[in-house]
Amino acid sequence: MTNLEPARSREQRIHDVRERLEKDVDVWVSTASADGGPVLVPLSFVWDDGALIMSTKRVNATARNLTPGGPVMLSLGHTRDVVLIEATTTVIEGTELPTASADAFARQAGFDPRDREAWIYLRAVPQVIRTWREENELAGRVVMRDGAWLG
């Protein structure tokens, strides 16, 4: 029998998710091709003005699947501390991302795609966020809906 920690309150879950968004460096990115082929890759990100900013080569499957934009599923954590994010994305050319955002990405990720030809940014704005640690947190796992934190 597993002894579970008490379920976190919604407020604590939101705090924990925000902390992960501020401090984590990598996120799992799940997309599908036009014919439905799944693609799952890790990308570095920075949390910037309510969005996850990621970068990849324009020719990579993830970039192709999200051009010109569209839905994406993102995941932080592991199976005992899950954060699932449904987001909408826009593609931003490497030179078109505002300087402050590009600087923040470079600091967080440890590389600067502005210096790399054929790289783009992906800006993912969360619409729904779910988080849980164990079975006892499945109820109440939605902490964001329609892009707004739940109170």
C-alpha atoms as a PDB file:
ATOM      1  CA  MET A   1       0.000   0.000   0.000  1.00  0.00           C
ATOM      2  CA  THR A   2       1.327   3.445  -0.908  1.00  0.00           C
ATOM      3  CA  ASN A   3       1.177   6.240   1.630  1.00  0.00           C
ATOM      4  CA  LEU A   4       0.309   9.380  -0.303  1.00  0.00           C
ATOM      5  CA  GLU A   5       1.058  12.927   0.711  1.00  0.00           C
ATOM      6  CA  PRO A   6      -2.161  14.914   1.183  1.00  0.00           C
ATOM      7  CA  ALA A   7      -3.512  16.403  -2.049  1.00  0.00           C
ATOM      8  CA  ARG A   8      -2.309  19.947  -2.677  1.00  0.00           C
ATOM      9  CA  SER A   9      -4.768  22.818  -2.756  1.00  0.00           C
ATOM     10  CA  ARG A  10      -5.454  24.514  -6.084  1.00  0.00           C
ATOM     11  CA  GLU A  11      -3.497  27.536  -4.880  1.00  0.00           C
ATOM     12  CA  GLN A  12      -0.485  25.357  -4.071  1.00  0.00           C
ATOM     13  CA  ARG A  13      -0.718  23.571  -7.419  1.00  0.00           C
ATOM     14  CA  ILE A  14      -0.805  26.900  -9.280  1.00  0.00           C
ATOM     15  CA  HIS A  15       2.190  28.103  -7.254  1.00  0.00           C
ATOM     16  CA  ASP A  16       4.081  24.883  -8.060  1.00  0.00           C
ATOM     17  CA  VAL A  17       3.279  25.107 -11.782  1.00  0.00           C
ATOM     18  CA  ARG A  18       4.359  28.758 -11.942  1.00  0.00           C
ATOM     19  CA  GLU A  19       7.600  27.855 -10.188  1.00  0.00           C
ATOM     20  CA  ARG A  20       8.250  25.062 -12.724  1.00  0.00           C
ATOM     21  CA  LEU A  21       7.553  27.463 -15.595  1.00  0.00           C
ATOM     22  CA  GLU A  22      10.042  29.962 -14.150  1.00  0.00           C
ATOM     23  CA  LYS A  23      12.795  27.483 -13.245  1.00  0.00           C
ATOM     24  CA  ASP A  24      12.631  24.488 -15.604  1.00  0.00           C
ATOM     25  CA  VAL A  25      14.780  24.639 -18.725  1.00  0.00           C
ATOM     26  CA  ASP A  26      13.316  21.875 -20.906  1.00  0.00           C
ATOM     27  CA  VAL A  27       9.824  20.805 -21.890  1.00  0.00           C
ATOM     28  CA  TRP A  28       8.466  17.826 -23.828  1.00  0.00           C
ATOM     29  CA  VAL A  29       6.716  19.011 -27.010  1.00  0.00           C
ATOM     30  CA  SER A  30       4.134  16.780 -28.704  1.00  0.00           C
ATOM     31  CA  THR A  31       2.840  17.514 -32.206  1.00  0.00           C
ATOM     32  CA  ALA A  32       1.320  15.614 -35.097  1.00  0.00           C
ATOM     33  CA  SER A  33       2.055  15.811 -38.805  1.00  0.00           C
ATOM     34  CA  ALA A  34      -0.649  16.462 -41.393  1.00  0.00           C
ATOM     35  CA  ASP A  35      -1.072  12.699 -41.815  1.00  0.00           C
ATOM     36  CA  GLY A  36      -1.306  12.192 -38.037  1.00  0.00           C
ATOM     37  CA  GLY A  37       2.242  10.959 -37.425  1.00  0.00           C
ATOM     38  CA  PRO A  38       3.219  11.711 -33.820  1.00  0.00           C
ATOM     39  CA  VAL A  39       6.345  13.678 -32.910  1.00  0.00           C
ATOM     40  CA  LEU A  40       7.647  14.042 -29.355  1.00  0.00           C
ATOM     41  CA  VAL A  41      10.804  16.059 -28.672  1.00  0.00           C
ATOM     42  CA  PRO A  42      12.382  17.908 -25.752  1.00  0.00           C
ATOM     43  CA  LEU A  43      13.051  21.599 -26.337  1.00  0.00           C
ATOM     44  CA  SER A  44      14.591  24.257 -24.145  1.00  0.00           C
ATOM     45  CA  PHE A  45      12.214  27.047 -23.180  1.00  0.00           C
ATOM     46  CA  VAL A  46      11.850  30.232 -21.235  1.00  0.00           C
ATOM     47  CA  TRP A  47       8.636  31.439 -19.575  1.00  0.00           C
ATOM     48  CA  ASP A  48       8.146  34.919 -20.998  1.00  0.00           C
ATOM     49  CA  ASP A  49       5.122  37.171 -20.593  1.00  0.00           C
ATOM     50  CA  GLY A  50       2.631  34.313 -20.171  1.00  0.00           C
ATOM     51  CA  ALA A  51       4.068  32.070 -22.898  1.00  0.00           C
ATOM     52  CA  LEU A  52       6.678  29.382 -23.343  1.00  0.00           C
ATOM     53  CA  ILE A  53       9.284  30.489 -25.893  1.00  0.00           C
ATOM     54  CA  MET A  54      11.124  27.599 -27.568  1.00  0.00           C
ATOM     55  CA  SER A  55      13.400  27.379 -30.572  1.00  0.00           C
ATOM     56  CA  THR A  56      14.202  24.788 -33.211  1.00  0.00           C
ATOM     57  CA  LYS A  57      15.389  24.522 -36.792  1.00  0.00           C
ATOM     58  CA  ARG A  58      12.710  25.393 -39.330  1.00  0.00           C
ATOM     59  CA  VAL A  59      13.271  22.031 -41.102  1.00  0.00           C
ATOM     60  CA  ASN A  60      12.609  19.925 -37.982  1.00  0.00           C
ATOM     61  CA  ALA A  61       9.346  18.000 -37.812  1.00  0.00           C
ATOM     62  CA  THR A  62       8.118  19.960 -34.785  1.00  0.00           C
ATOM     63  CA  ALA A  63       8.542  23.258 -36.629  1.00  0.00           C
ATOM     64  CA  ARG A  64       6.882  21.896 -39.770  1.00  0.00           C
ATOM     65  CA  ASN A  65       3.962  20.535 -37.731  1.00  0.00           C
ATOM     66  CA  LEU A  66       3.393  23.897 -36.042  1.00  0.00           C
ATOM     67  CA  THR A  67       3.806  26.147 -39.087  1.00  0.00           C
ATOM     68  CA  PRO A  68       2.072  28.506 -39.491  1.00  0.00           C
ATOM     69  CA  GLY A  69       0.791  27.828 -35.950  1.00  0.00           C
ATOM     70  CA  GLY A  70      -1.640  25.619 -34.137  1.00  0.00           C
ATOM     71  CA  PRO A  71      -2.252  23.439 -31.120  1.00  0.00           C
ATOM     72  CA  VAL A  72       0.524  21.755 -29.167  1.00  0.00           C
ATOM     73  CA  MET A  73       0.731  19.589 -26.055  1.00  0.00           C
ATOM     74  CA  LEU A  74       3.589  20.291 -23.661  1.00  0.00           C
ATOM     75  CA  SER A  75       4.700  18.364 -20.584  1.00  0.00           C
ATOM     76  CA  LEU A  76       6.899  19.241 -17.631  1.00  0.00           C
ATOM     77  CA  GLY A  77       8.004  16.850 -14.942  1.00  0.00           C
ATOM     78  CA  HIS A  78       7.851  13.123 -14.604  1.00  0.00           C
ATOM     79  CA  THR A  79       5.098  10.624 -13.959  1.00  0.00           C
ATOM     80  CA  ARG A  80       4.919  11.455 -10.227  1.00  0.00           C
ATOM     81  CA  ASP A  81       4.758  15.243 -10.750  1.00  0.00           C
ATOM     82  CA  VAL A  82       2.940  15.940 -14.004  1.00  0.00           C
ATOM     83  CA  VAL A  83       2.243  19.297 -15.643  1.00  0.00           C
ATOM     84  CA  LEU A  84       0.354  18.957 -18.961  1.00  0.00           C
ATOM     85  CA  ILE A  85      -0.150  22.099 -21.008  1.00  0.00           C
ATOM     86  CA  GLU A  86      -2.467  22.479 -23.989  1.00  0.00           C
ATOM     87  CA  ALA A  87      -1.331  25.564 -25.858  1.00  0.00           C
ATOM     88  CA  THR A  88      -1.711  27.475 -29.083  1.00  0.00           C
ATOM     89  CA  THR A  89       1.463  28.354 -30.936  1.00  0.00           C
ATOM     90  CA  THR A  90       2.727  30.985 -33.274  1.00  0.00           C
ATOM     91  CA  VAL A  91       5.935  30.777 -35.252  1.00  0.00           C
ATOM     92  CA  ILE A  92       8.296  33.733 -34.978  1.00  0.00           C
ATOM     93  CA  GLU A  93      11.301  34.243 -37.221  1.00  0.00           C
ATOM     94  CA  GLY A  94      14.583  34.363 -35.312  1.00  0.00           C
ATOM     95  CA  THR A  95      15.105  38.066 -35.950  1.00  0.00           C
ATOM     96  CA  GLU A  96      11.484  39.044 -35.173  1.00  0.00           C
ATOM     97  CA  LEU A  97      11.280  38.003 -31.519  1.00  0.00           C
ATOM     98  CA  PRO A  98      11.556  41.100 -29.291  1.00  0.00           C
ATOM     99  CA  THR A  99      15.114  41.575 -28.037  1.00  0.00           C
ATOM    100  CA  ALA A 100      14.227  41.184 -24.346  1.00  0.00           C
ATOM    101  CA  SER A 101      12.478  37.861 -25.034  1.00  0.00           C
ATOM    102  CA  ALA A 102      15.339  36.585 -27.220  1.00  0.00           C
ATOM    103  CA  ASP A 103      17.869  37.613 -24.569  1.00  0.00           C
ATOM    104  CA  ALA A 104      15.864  35.802 -21.877  1.00  0.00           C
ATOM    105  CA  PHE A 105      15.715  32.660 -24.031  1.00  0.00           C
ATOM    106  CA  ALA A 106      19.467  32.761 -24.675  1.00  0.00           C
ATOM    107  CA  ARG A 107      20.215  33.099 -20.945  1.00  0.00           C
ATOM    108  CA  GLN A 108      17.864  30.274 -19.974  1.00  0.00           C
ATOM    109  CA  ALA A 109      18.680  27.841 -22.791  1.00  0.00           C
ATOM    110  CA  GLY A 110      22.408  28.508 -22.985  1.00  0.00           C
ATOM    111  CA  PHE A 111      22.417  29.228 -26.710  1.00  0.00           C
ATOM    112  CA  ASP A 112      21.246  32.017 -28.979  1.00  0.00           C
ATOM    113  CA  PRO A 113      19.279  30.957 -32.074  1.00  0.00           C
ATOM    114  CA  ARG A 114      19.431  34.517 -33.459  1.00  0.00           C
ATOM    115  CA  ASP A 115      22.977  33.652 -34.492  1.00  0.00           C
ATOM    116  CA  ARG A 116      21.903  30.478 -36.302  1.00  0.00           C
ATOM    117  CA  GLU A 117      20.499  30.554 -39.784  1.00  0.00           C
ATOM    118  CA  ALA A 118      17.203  28.726 -40.360  1.00  0.00           C
ATOM    119  CA  TRP A 119      16.159  28.702 -36.684  1.00  0.00           C
ATOM    120  CA  ILE A 120      12.745  29.889 -35.553  1.00  0.00           C
ATOM    121  CA  TYR A 121      11.036  30.541 -32.247  1.00  0.00           C
ATOM    122  CA  LEU A 122       7.814  28.875 -31.190  1.00  0.00           C
ATOM    123  CA  ARG A 123       5.638  30.890 -28.808  1.00  0.00           C
ATOM    124  CA  ALA A 124       3.167  28.643 -26.977  1.00  0.00           C
ATOM    125  CA  VAL A 125       0.388  30.317 -24.992  1.00  0.00           C
ATOM    126  CA  PRO A 126      -1.225  27.946 -22.475  1.00  0.00           C
ATOM    127  CA  GLN A 127      -4.977  27.455 -22.753  1.00  0.00           C
ATOM    128  CA  VAL A 128      -5.414  24.520 -20.362  1.00  0.00           C
ATOM    129  CA  ILE A 129      -3.018  23.308 -17.656  1.00  0.00           C
ATOM    130  CA  ARG A 130      -3.464  20.113 -15.667  1.00  0.00           C
ATOM    131  CA  THR A 131      -1.214  19.049 -12.796  1.00  0.00           C
ATOM    132  CA  TRP A 132      -1.133  16.133 -10.372  1.00  0.00           C
ATOM    133  CA  ARG A 133       1.298  14.010  -8.424  1.00  0.00           C
ATOM    134  CA  GLU A 134      -0.654  10.922  -7.437  1.00  0.00           C
ATOM    135  CA  GLU A 135      -4.153   9.484  -7.831  1.00  0.00           C
ATOM    136  CA  ASN A 136      -5.454  11.570  -4.941  1.00  0.00           C
ATOM    137  CA  GLU A 137      -4.751  14.737  -6.987  1.00  0.00           C
ATOM    138  CA  LEU A 138      -6.632  13.701 -10.126  1.00  0.00           C
ATOM    139  CA  ALA A 139      -9.712  15.546  -8.902  1.00  0.00           C
ATOM    140  CA  GLY A 140      -9.029  19.238  -9.314  1.00  0.00           C
ATOM    141  CA  ARG A 141      -6.093  18.693 -11.657  1.00  0.00           C
ATOM    142  CA  VAL A 142      -7.189  21.508 -14.014  1.00  0.00           C
ATOM    143  CA  VAL A 143      -5.581  24.754 -12.798  1.00  0.00           C
ATOM    144  CA  MET A 144      -5.969  26.812 -15.996  1.00  0.00           C
ATOM    145  CA  ARG A 145      -8.875  26.903 -18.432  1.00  0.00           C
ATOM    146  CA  ASP A 146      -9.334  29.152 -21.481  1.00  0.00           C
ATOM    147  CA  GLY A 147      -5.964  30.755 -20.735  1.00  0.00           C
ATOM    148  CA  ALA A 148      -6.925  31.910 -17.226  1.00  0.00           C
ATOM    149  CA  TRP A 149      -5.684  30.561 -13.902  1.00  0.00           C
ATOM    150  CA  LEU A 150      -8.562  29.158 -11.860  1.00  0.00           C
ATOM    151  CA  GLY A 151      -9.193  30.753  -8.485  1.00  0.00           C
END
